[in-house]
Amino acid sequence: FSIVAAHLNHGLRPEAAGEELFVINTCQ
């Protein structure tokens, strides 16, 4: 099977942008 990742940034916490970048970098 194949996979893609999906991340939703809730815009609630200052560290949310860093978490999003971490997900993007891990996927890359």
Full PDB file with SEQRES, HELIX, SHEET, SSBOND, CRYST1, ORIGX, SCALE, CONECT and MASTER records, all heavy atoms in Angstrom:
SEQRES   1 A   28  PHE SER ILE VAL ALA ALA HIS LEU ASN HIS GLY LEU ARG          
SEQRES   2 A   28  PRO GLU ALA ALA GLY GLU GLU LEU PHE VAL ILE ASN THR          
SEQRES   3 A   28  CYS GLN                                                      
HELIX    1 AA1 ALA A   16  CYS A   27  1                                  12    
CRYST1    1.000    1.000    1.000  90.00  90.00  90.00 P 1           1          
ORIGX1      1.000000  0.000000  0.000000        0.00000                         
ORIGX2      0.000000  1.000000  0.000000        0.00000                         
ORIGX3      0.000000  0.000000  1.000000        0.00000                         
SCALE1      1.000000  0.000000  0.000000        0.00000                         
SCALE2      0.000000  1.000000  0.000000        0.00000                         
SCALE3      0.000000  0.000000  1.000000        0.00000                         
ATOM      1  N   PHE A   1       0.856  -1.175   0.000  1.00  0.00           N  
ATOM      2  CA  PHE A   1       0.000   0.000   0.000  1.00  0.00           C  
ATOM      3  C   PHE A   1       0.897   1.231   0.000  1.00  0.00           C  
ATOM      4  O   PHE A   1       2.099   1.129   0.208  1.00  0.00           O  
ATOM      5  CB  PHE A   1      -0.978   0.009   1.190  1.00  0.00           C  
ATOM      6  CG  PHE A   1      -0.330   0.102   2.544  1.00  0.00           C  
ATOM      7  CD1 PHE A   1      -0.101   1.339   3.136  1.00  0.00           C  
ATOM      8  CD2 PHE A   1       0.028  -1.044   3.239  1.00  0.00           C  
ATOM      9  CE1 PHE A   1       0.488   1.428   4.397  1.00  0.00           C  
ATOM     10  CE2 PHE A   1       0.610  -0.965   4.494  1.00  0.00           C  
ATOM     11  CZ  PHE A   1       0.845   0.273   5.070  1.00  0.00           C  
ATOM     12  N   SER A   2       0.307   2.398  -0.263  1.00  0.00           N  
ATOM     13  CA  SER A   2       1.086   3.629  -0.243  1.00  0.00           C  
ATOM     14  C   SER A   2       0.544   4.556   0.839  1.00  0.00           C  
ATOM     15  O   SER A   2      -0.611   4.426   1.263  1.00  0.00           O  
ATOM     16  CB  SER A   2       1.050   4.326  -1.608  1.00  0.00           C  
ATOM     17  OG  SER A   2      -0.265   4.705  -1.934  1.00  0.00           O  
ATOM     18  N   ILE A   3       1.399   5.471   1.281  1.00  0.00           N  
ATOM     19  CA  ILE A   3       1.009   6.407   2.336  1.00  0.00           C  
ATOM     20  C   ILE A   3       1.324   7.842   1.931  1.00  0.00           C  
ATOM     21  O   ILE A   3       2.246   8.099   1.148  1.00  0.00           O  
ATOM     22  CB  ILE A   3       1.699   6.099   3.680  1.00  0.00           C  
ATOM     23  CG1 ILE A   3       3.230   6.133   3.546  1.00  0.00           C  
ATOM     24  CG2 ILE A   3       1.215   4.773   4.255  1.00  0.00           C  
ATOM     25  CD1 ILE A   3       3.986   6.042   4.871  1.00  0.00           C  
ATOM     26  N   VAL A   4       0.533   8.749   2.457  1.00  0.00           N  
ATOM     27  CA  VAL A   4       0.820  10.178   2.460  1.00  0.00           C  
ATOM     28  C   VAL A   4       0.534  10.649   3.880  1.00  0.00           C  
ATOM     29  O   VAL A   4      -0.229  10.008   4.609  1.00  0.00           O  
ATOM     30  CB  VAL A   4      -0.025  10.975   1.441  1.00  0.00           C  
ATOM     31  CG1 VAL A   4       0.215  10.471   0.021  1.00  0.00           C  
ATOM     32  CG2 VAL A   4      -1.496  10.940   1.780  1.00  0.00           C  
ATOM     33  N   ALA A   5       1.161  11.735   4.280  1.00  0.00           N  
ATOM     34  CA  ALA A   5       0.935  12.284   5.614  1.00  0.00           C  
ATOM     35  C   ALA A   5       0.080  13.538   5.503  1.00  0.00           C  
ATOM     36  O   ALA A   5       0.157  14.269   4.509  1.00  0.00           O  
ATOM     37  CB  ALA A   5       2.261  12.611   6.291  1.00  0.00           C  
ATOM     38  N   ALA A   6      -0.723  13.776   6.533  1.00  0.00           N  
ATOM     39  CA  ALA A   6      -1.535  14.985   6.612  1.00  0.00           C  
ATOM     40  C   ALA A   6      -1.397  15.575   8.009  1.00  0.00           C  
ATOM     41  O   ALA A   6      -1.504  14.855   9.009  1.00  0.00           O  
ATOM     42  CB  ALA A   6      -2.993  14.679   6.309  1.00  0.00           C  
ATOM     43  N   HIS A   7      -1.135  16.874   8.044  1.00  0.00           N  
ATOM     44  CA  HIS A   7      -0.962  17.568   9.325  1.00  0.00           C  
ATOM     45  C   HIS A   7      -1.855  18.795   9.348  1.00  0.00           C  
ATOM     46  O   HIS A   7      -1.862  19.577   8.401  1.00  0.00           O  
ATOM     47  CB  HIS A   7       0.495  18.004   9.490  1.00  0.00           C  
ATOM     48  CG  HIS A   7       0.733  18.830  10.717  1.00  0.00           C  
ATOM     49  ND1 HIS A   7       0.923  18.273  11.960  1.00  0.00           N  
ATOM     50  CD2 HIS A   7       0.793  20.174  10.884  1.00  0.00           C  
ATOM     51  CE1 HIS A   7       1.107  19.257  12.847  1.00  0.00           C  
ATOM     52  NE2 HIS A   7       1.027  20.416  12.217  1.00  0.00           N  
ATOM     53  N   LEU A   8      -2.608  18.952  10.430  1.00  0.00           N  
ATOM     54  CA  LEU A   8      -3.425  20.145  10.612  1.00  0.00           C  
ATOM     55  C   LEU A   8      -2.851  20.951  11.768  1.00  0.00           C  
ATOM     56  O   LEU A   8      -2.748  20.452  12.883  1.00  0.00           O  
ATOM     57  CB  LEU A   8      -4.881  19.797  10.894  1.00  0.00           C  
ATOM     58  CG  LEU A   8      -5.759  21.050  10.991  1.00  0.00           C  
ATOM     59  CD1 LEU A   8      -6.945  20.947  10.051  1.00  0.00           C  
ATOM     60  CD2 LEU A   8      -6.213  21.280  12.395  1.00  0.00           C  
ATOM     61  N   ASN A   9      -2.451  22.177  11.481  1.00  0.00           N  
ATOM     62  CA  ASN A   9      -1.967  23.110  12.496  1.00  0.00           C  
ATOM     63  C   ASN A   9      -3.197  23.829  13.041  1.00  0.00           C  
ATOM     64  O   ASN A   9      -3.885  24.531  12.303  1.00  0.00           O  
ATOM     65  CB  ASN A   9      -0.976  24.082  11.853  1.00  0.00           C  
ATOM     66  CG  ASN A   9      -0.423  25.095  12.825  1.00  0.00           C  
ATOM     67  OD1 ASN A   9      -1.027  25.395  13.847  1.00  0.00           O  
ATOM     68  ND2 ASN A   9       0.733  25.638  12.489  1.00  0.00           N  
ATOM     69  N   HIS A  10      -3.478  23.668  14.340  1.00  0.00           N  
ATOM     70  CA  HIS A  10      -4.666  24.249  14.962  1.00  0.00           C  
ATOM     71  C   HIS A  10      -4.507  25.745  15.255  1.00  0.00           C  
ATOM     72  O   HIS A  10      -5.477  26.389  15.641  1.00  0.00           O  
ATOM     73  CB  HIS A  10      -4.983  23.531  16.281  1.00  0.00           C  
ATOM     74  CG  HIS A  10      -5.429  22.125  16.110  1.00  0.00           C  
ATOM     75  ND1 HIS A  10      -4.550  21.066  16.088  1.00  0.00           N  
ATOM     76  CD2 HIS A  10      -6.661  21.595  15.946  1.00  0.00           C  
ATOM     77  CE1 HIS A  10      -5.228  19.949  15.924  1.00  0.00           C  
ATOM     78  NE2 HIS A  10      -6.509  20.239  15.833  1.00  0.00           N  
ATOM     79  N   GLY A  11      -3.293  26.256  15.114  1.00  0.00           N  
ATOM     80  CA  GLY A  11      -3.057  27.668  15.378  1.00  0.00           C  
ATOM     81  C   GLY A  11      -3.298  28.059  16.824  1.00  0.00           C  
ATOM     82  O   GLY A  11      -3.603  29.214  17.116  1.00  0.00           O  
ATOM     83  N   LEU A  12      -3.150  27.118  17.746  1.00  0.00           N  
ATOM     84  CA  LEU A  12      -3.456  27.387  19.155  1.00  0.00           C  
ATOM     85  C   LEU A  12      -2.234  27.713  20.002  1.00  0.00           C  
ATOM     86  O   LEU A  12      -2.338  28.439  20.982  1.00  0.00           O  
ATOM     87  CB  LEU A  12      -4.175  26.177  19.782  1.00  0.00           C  
ATOM     88  CG  LEU A  12      -5.593  25.913  19.302  1.00  0.00           C  
ATOM     89  CD1 LEU A  12      -6.101  24.577  19.829  1.00  0.00           C  
ATOM     90  CD2 LEU A  12      -6.514  27.053  19.727  1.00  0.00           C  
ATOM     91  N   ARG A  13      -1.087  27.155  19.656  1.00  0.00           N  
ATOM     92  CA  ARG A  13       0.092  27.294  20.505  1.00  0.00           C  
ATOM     93  C   ARG A  13       1.263  27.856  19.700  1.00  0.00           C  
ATOM     94  O   ARG A  13       1.374  27.574  18.507  1.00  0.00           O  
ATOM     95  CB  ARG A  13       0.492  25.933  21.090  1.00  0.00           C  
ATOM     96  CG  ARG A  13      -0.577  25.342  21.983  1.00  0.00           C  
ATOM     97  CD  ARG A  13      -0.252  23.922  22.462  1.00  0.00           C  
ATOM     98  NE  ARG A  13      -0.356  22.985  21.348  1.00  0.00           N  
ATOM     99  CZ  ARG A  13       0.670  22.326  20.803  1.00  0.00           C  
ATOM    100  NH1 ARG A  13       1.879  22.471  21.267  1.00  0.00           N  
ATOM    101  NH2 ARG A  13       0.487  21.515  19.798  1.00  0.00           N  
ATOM    102  N   PRO A  14       2.145  28.600  20.348  1.00  0.00           N  
ATOM    103  CA  PRO A  14       3.305  29.155  19.636  1.00  0.00           C  
ATOM    104  C   PRO A  14       4.189  28.070  19.003  1.00  0.00           C  
ATOM    105  O   PRO A  14       4.763  28.282  17.936  1.00  0.00           O  
ATOM    106  CB  PRO A  14       4.085  29.903  20.720  1.00  0.00           C  
ATOM    107  CG  PRO A  14       3.125  30.134  21.826  1.00  0.00           C  
ATOM    108  CD  PRO A  14       2.094  29.038  21.746  1.00  0.00           C  
ATOM    109  N   GLU A  15       4.260  26.908  19.627  1.00  0.00           N  
ATOM    110  CA  GLU A  15       5.119  25.834  19.108  1.00  0.00           C  
ATOM    111  C   GLU A  15       4.485  25.051  17.954  1.00  0.00           C  
ATOM    112  O   GLU A  15       5.110  24.165  17.365  1.00  0.00           O  
ATOM    113  CB  GLU A  15       5.557  24.873  20.222  1.00  0.00           C  
ATOM    114  CG  GLU A  15       4.446  24.183  20.967  1.00  0.00           C  
ATOM    115  CD  GLU A  15       3.917  24.940  22.168  1.00  0.00           C  
ATOM    116  OE1 GLU A  15       4.163  26.142  22.324  1.00  0.00           O  
ATOM    117  OE2 GLU A  15       3.225  24.292  22.978  1.00  0.00           O  
ATOM    118  N   ALA A  16       3.246  25.381  17.584  1.00  0.00           N  
ATOM    119  CA  ALA A  16       2.546  24.654  16.523  1.00  0.00           C  
ATOM    120  C   ALA A  16       3.274  24.745  15.185  1.00  0.00           C  
ATOM    121  O   ALA A  16       3.342  23.765  14.439  1.00  0.00           O  
ATOM    122  CB  ALA A  16       1.112  25.154  16.384  1.00  0.00           C  
ATOM    123  N   ALA A  17       3.845  25.898  14.874  1.00  0.00           N  
ATOM    124  CA  ALA A  17       4.580  26.051  13.604  1.00  0.00           C  
ATOM    125  C   ALA A  17       5.807  25.150  13.596  1.00  0.00           C  
ATOM    126  O   ALA A  17       6.135  24.539  12.565  1.00  0.00           O  
ATOM    127  CB  ALA A  17       4.979  27.504  13.393  1.00  0.00           C  
ATOM    128  N   GLY A  18       6.474  25.022  14.738  1.00  0.00           N  
ATOM    129  CA  GLY A  18       7.633  24.129  14.841  1.00  0.00           C  
ATOM    130  C   GLY A  18       7.240  22.675  14.696  1.00  0.00           C  
ATOM    131  O   GLY A  18       7.972  21.886  14.078  1.00  0.00           O  
ATOM    132  N   GLU A  19       6.099  22.297  15.246  1.00  0.00           N  
ATOM    133  CA  GLU A  19       5.604  20.929  15.103  1.00  0.00           C  
ATOM    134  C   GLU A  19       5.286  20.624  13.648  1.00  0.00           C  
ATOM    135  O   GLU A  19       5.586  19.544  13.152  1.00  0.00           O  
ATOM    136  CB  GLU A  19       4.372  20.708  15.988  1.00  0.00           C  
ATOM    137  CG  GLU A  19       4.690  20.720  17.461  1.00  0.00           C  
ATOM    138  CD  GLU A  19       3.457  20.790  18.349  1.00  0.00           C  
ATOM    139  OE1 GLU A  19       2.346  21.077  17.843  1.00  0.00           O  
ATOM    140  OE2 GLU A  19       3.618  20.581  19.569  1.00  0.00           O  
ATOM    141  N   GLU A  20       4.674  21.591  12.963  1.00  0.00           N  
ATOM    142  CA  GLU A  20       4.361  21.418  11.552  1.00  0.00           C  
ATOM    143  C   GLU A  20       5.644  21.225  10.741  1.00  0.00           C  
ATOM    144  O   GLU A  20       5.724  20.329   9.896  1.00  0.00           O  
ATOM    145  CB  GLU A  20       3.580  22.622  11.033  1.00  0.00           C  
ATOM    146  CG  GLU A  20       3.177  22.514   9.587  1.00  0.00           C  
ATOM    147  CD  GLU A  20       2.324  23.679   9.114  1.00  0.00           C  
ATOM    148  OE1 GLU A  20       1.854  24.481   9.947  1.00  0.00           O  
ATOM    149  OE2 GLU A  20       2.121  23.778   7.891  1.00  0.00           O  
ATOM    150  N   LEU A  21       6.645  22.039  11.017  1.00  0.00           N  
ATOM    151  CA  LEU A  21       7.926  21.916  10.323  1.00  0.00           C  
ATOM    152  C   LEU A  21       8.581  20.571  10.624  1.00  0.00           C  
ATOM    153  O   LEU A  21       9.155  19.936   9.731  1.00  0.00           O  
ATOM    154  CB  LEU A  21       8.849  23.072  10.718  1.00  0.00           C  
ATOM    155  CG  LEU A  21      10.162  23.169   9.965  1.00  0.00           C  
ATOM    156  CD1 LEU A  21       9.933  23.312   8.463  1.00  0.00           C  
ATOM    157  CD2 LEU A  21      10.988  24.351  10.487  1.00  0.00           C  
ATOM    158  N   PHE A  22       8.475  20.110  11.870  1.00  0.00           N  
ATOM    159  CA  PHE A  22       9.017  18.797  12.240  1.00  0.00           C  
ATOM    160  C   PHE A  22       8.353  17.685  11.430  1.00  0.00           C  
ATOM    161  O   PHE A  22       9.026  16.785  10.916  1.00  0.00           O  
ATOM    162  CB  PHE A  22       8.815  18.557  13.744  1.00  0.00           C  
ATOM    163  CG  PHE A  22       9.171  17.173  14.200  1.00  0.00           C  
ATOM    164  CD1 PHE A  22      10.488  16.729  14.189  1.00  0.00           C  
ATOM    165  CD2 PHE A  22       8.187  16.305  14.638  1.00  0.00           C  
ATOM    166  CE1 PHE A  22      10.812  15.447  14.604  1.00  0.00           C  
ATOM    167  CE2 PHE A  22       8.498  15.019  15.059  1.00  0.00           C  
ATOM    168  CZ  PHE A  22       9.816  14.593  15.043  1.00  0.00           C  
ATOM    169  N   VAL A  23       7.040  17.757  11.269  1.00  0.00           N  
ATOM    170  CA  VAL A  23       6.311  16.758  10.481  1.00  0.00           C  
ATOM    171  C   VAL A  23       6.790  16.809   9.024  1.00  0.00           C  
ATOM    172  O   VAL A  23       7.076  15.770   8.416  1.00  0.00           O  
ATOM    173  CB  VAL A  23       4.780  16.963  10.574  1.00  0.00           C  
ATOM    174  CG1 VAL A  23       4.049  16.086   9.563  1.00  0.00           C  
ATOM    175  CG2 VAL A  23       4.292  16.660  11.989  1.00  0.00           C  
ATOM    176  N   ILE A  24       6.874  18.009   8.468  1.00  0.00           N  
ATOM    177  CA  ILE A  24       7.321  18.169   7.078  1.00  0.00           C  
ATOM    178  C   ILE A  24       8.716  17.591   6.894  1.00  0.00           C  
ATOM    179  O   ILE A  24       8.971  16.831   5.948  1.00  0.00           O  
ATOM    180  CB  ILE A  24       7.270  19.652   6.661  1.00  0.00           C  
ATOM    181  CG1 ILE A  24       5.818  20.128   6.564  1.00  0.00           C  
ATOM    182  CG2 ILE A  24       8.009  19.883   5.344  1.00  0.00           C  
ATOM    183  CD1 ILE A  24       5.657  21.643   6.469  1.00  0.00           C  
ATOM    184  N   ASN A  25       9.640  17.926   7.802  1.00  0.00           N  
ATOM    185  CA  ASN A  25      11.020  17.437   7.693  1.00  0.00           C  
ATOM    186  C   ASN A  25      11.113  15.925   7.863  1.00  0.00           C  
ATOM    187  O   ASN A  25      11.891  15.263   7.173  1.00  0.00           O  
ATOM    188  CB  ASN A  25      11.917  18.143   8.709  1.00  0.00           C  
ATOM    189  CG  ASN A  25      12.139  19.603   8.366  1.00  0.00           C  
ATOM    190  OD1 ASN A  25      12.012  20.013   7.211  1.00  0.00           O  
ATOM    191  ND2 ASN A  25      12.461  20.398   9.368  1.00  0.00           N  
ATOM    192  N   THR A  26      10.335  15.369   8.780  1.00  0.00           N  
ATOM    193  CA  THR A  26      10.330  13.919   8.984  1.00  0.00           C  
ATOM    194  C   THR A  26       9.826  13.219   7.726  1.00  0.00           C  
ATOM    195  O   THR A  26      10.395  12.222   7.284  1.00  0.00           O  
ATOM    196  CB  THR A  26       9.465  13.546  10.208  1.00  0.00           C  
ATOM    197  OG1 THR A  26       9.968  14.230  11.363  1.00  0.00           O  
ATOM    198  CG2 THR A  26       9.477  12.044  10.451  1.00  0.00           C  
ATOM    199  N   CYS A  27       8.772  13.756   7.143  1.00  0.00           N  
ATOM    200  CA  CYS A  27       8.232  13.175   5.908  1.00  0.00           C  
ATOM    201  C   CYS A  27       9.243  13.273   4.767  1.00  0.00           C  
ATOM    202  O   CYS A  27       9.415  12.320   3.998  1.00  0.00           O  
ATOM    203  CB  CYS A  27       6.919  13.853   5.526  1.00  0.00           C  
ATOM    204  SG  CYS A  27       5.548  13.419   6.614  1.00  0.00           S  
ATOM    205  N   GLN A  28       9.926  14.410   4.647  1.00  0.00           N  
ATOM    206  CA  GLN A  28      10.943  14.564   3.606  1.00  0.00           C  
ATOM    207  C   GLN A  28      12.048  13.530   3.776  1.00  0.00           C  
ATOM    208  O   GLN A  28      12.504  12.939   2.804  1.00  0.00           O  
ATOM    209  CB  GLN A  28      11.525  15.977   3.617  1.00  0.00           C  
ATOM    210  CG  GLN A  28      10.599  17.005   3.023  1.00  0.00           C  
ATOM    211  CD  GLN A  28      11.153  18.421   3.099  1.00  0.00           C  
ATOM    212  OE1 GLN A  28      12.073  18.718   3.860  1.00  0.00           O  
ATOM    213  NE2 GLN A  28      10.562  19.317   2.313  1.00  0.00           N  
TER     214      GLN A  28                                                      
MASTER        0    0    0    1    0    0    0    6  213    1    0    3          
END                                                                             
